[in-house]
Every structure is written in structure tokens, then in C-alpha cells.
Amino acid sequence: MHFDLATDDPATADQRVLAAGGRRLRPTDDIPATGTPGSRVYASPAGHPFCIRPA
């Protein structure tokens, strides 16, 4: 299962993910597969992938 989460403040969400032990899986803000500028792929502390994108 893979979650795509939308937020009005991706920069704050990024900081919160990293502070909680998550990590970025892609260093880019543009994920070609979704075509959504500003999307980022992360892994949870347990290694489960998810995306955060602008709302």
C-alpha cells in the first residue's frame, strides 16, 4: 500500500517527516510518474513509501 498525502504547506510537512525519523527517497520536488510539481517520495521509519504533494 502506498499513500499520497496532500498538504497546503509541503515545506512544513517535509520538516515534520524528517523530524519523525522518515527519509526522502527522491531528492527531487517533481515526480515524473505523477506529473505533480512539488511532490516528494519518502519512507517512514519502518521503510514504507509515501508521497507528500501540494494540495
C-alpha atoms as a PDB file:
ATOM      1  CA  MET A   1       0.000   0.000   0.000  1.00  0.00           C
ATOM      2  CA  HIS A   2       1.225   3.493  -0.854  1.00  0.00           C
ATOM      3  CA  PHE A   3      -0.246   6.737   0.465  1.00  0.00           C
ATOM      4  CA  ASP A   4      -0.308  10.097  -1.337  1.00  0.00           C
ATOM      5  CA  LEU A   5      -0.840  12.902   1.159  1.00  0.00           C
ATOM      6  CA  ALA A   6      -1.828  16.443   0.139  1.00  0.00           C
ATOM      7  CA  THR A   7      -0.955  19.495   2.220  1.00  0.00           C
ATOM      8  CA  ASP A   8      -1.169  23.271   1.959  1.00  0.00           C
ATOM      9  CA  ASP A   9       2.368  23.524   3.385  1.00  0.00           C
ATOM     10  CA  PRO A  10       4.735  20.922   1.853  1.00  0.00           C
ATOM     11  CA  ALA A  11       7.827  22.554   3.391  1.00  0.00           C
ATOM     12  CA  THR A  12       6.491  22.126   6.933  1.00  0.00           C
ATOM     13  CA  ALA A  13       5.335  18.585   6.146  1.00  0.00           C
ATOM     14  CA  ASP A  14       8.857  17.801   4.886  1.00  0.00           C
ATOM     15  CA  GLN A  15      10.379  19.039   8.153  1.00  0.00           C
ATOM     16  CA  ARG A  16       7.894  17.036  10.219  1.00  0.00           C
ATOM     17  CA  VAL A  17       8.541  13.821   8.263  1.00  0.00           C
ATOM     18  CA  LEU A  18      12.306  14.154   8.716  1.00  0.00           C
ATOM     19  CA  ALA A  19      11.975  15.076  12.417  1.00  0.00           C
ATOM     20  CA  ALA A  20       9.836  11.966  12.976  1.00  0.00           C
ATOM     21  CA  GLY A  21      12.529   9.699  11.502  1.00  0.00           C
ATOM     22  CA  GLY A  22      11.341   9.497   7.903  1.00  0.00           C
ATOM     23  CA  ARG A  23      13.688   9.979   4.976  1.00  0.00           C
ATOM     24  CA  ARG A  24      13.455  11.238   1.428  1.00  0.00           C
ATOM     25  CA  LEU A  25      13.638   8.543  -1.226  1.00  0.00           C
ATOM     26  CA  ARG A  26      13.957  11.021  -4.084  1.00  0.00           C
ATOM     27  CA  PRO A  27      15.844  14.287  -3.828  1.00  0.00           C
ATOM     28  CA  THR A  28      13.557  15.986  -6.333  1.00  0.00           C
ATOM     29  CA  ASP A  29      10.400  18.043  -5.949  1.00  0.00           C
ATOM     30  CA  ASP A  30       8.946  16.813  -9.240  1.00  0.00           C
ATOM     31  CA  ILE A  31       7.920  13.174  -9.556  1.00  0.00           C
ATOM     32  CA  PRO A  32       7.587  12.324 -13.284  1.00  0.00           C
ATOM     33  CA  ALA A  33       5.236   9.383 -12.647  1.00  0.00           C
ATOM     34  CA  THR A  34       2.577  11.651 -11.145  1.00  0.00           C
ATOM     35  CA  GLY A  35       3.391  14.774 -13.105  1.00  0.00           C
ATOM     36  CA  THR A  36       2.690  16.747  -9.935  1.00  0.00           C
ATOM     37  CA  PRO A  37       5.226  19.539  -9.386  1.00  0.00           C
ATOM     38  CA  GLY A  38       6.242  19.705  -5.749  1.00  0.00           C
ATOM     39  CA  SER A  39       5.634  16.018  -4.976  1.00  0.00           C
ATOM     40  CA  ARG A  40       8.214  14.170  -2.899  1.00  0.00           C
ATOM     41  CA  VAL A  41       8.612  10.483  -2.117  1.00  0.00           C
ATOM     42  CA  TYR A  42       9.509   9.476   1.446  1.00  0.00           C
ATOM     43  CA  ALA A  43       9.965   6.350   3.518  1.00  0.00           C
ATOM     44  CA  SER A  44       8.538   6.036   7.008  1.00  0.00           C
ATOM     45  CA  PRO A  45      10.886   4.982   9.832  1.00  0.00           C
ATOM     46  CA  ALA A  46       9.708   1.407   9.116  1.00  0.00           C
ATOM     47  CA  GLY A  47      10.589   1.804   5.424  1.00  0.00           C
ATOM     48  CA  HIS A  48       7.082   2.171   3.954  1.00  0.00           C
ATOM     49  CA  PRO A  49       6.969   4.591   0.986  1.00  0.00           C
ATOM     50  CA  PHE A  50       4.549   7.510   0.714  1.00  0.00           C
ATOM     51  CA  CYS A  51       4.281  10.817  -1.144  1.00  0.00           C
ATOM     52  CA  ILE A  52       3.576  14.334   0.010  1.00  0.00           C
ATOM     53  CA  ARG A  53       2.242  16.749  -2.576  1.00  0.00           C
ATOM     54  CA  PRO A  54       0.791  20.239  -2.608  1.00  0.00           C
ATOM     55  CA  ALA A  55      -2.980  20.410  -2.127  1.00  0.00           C
END
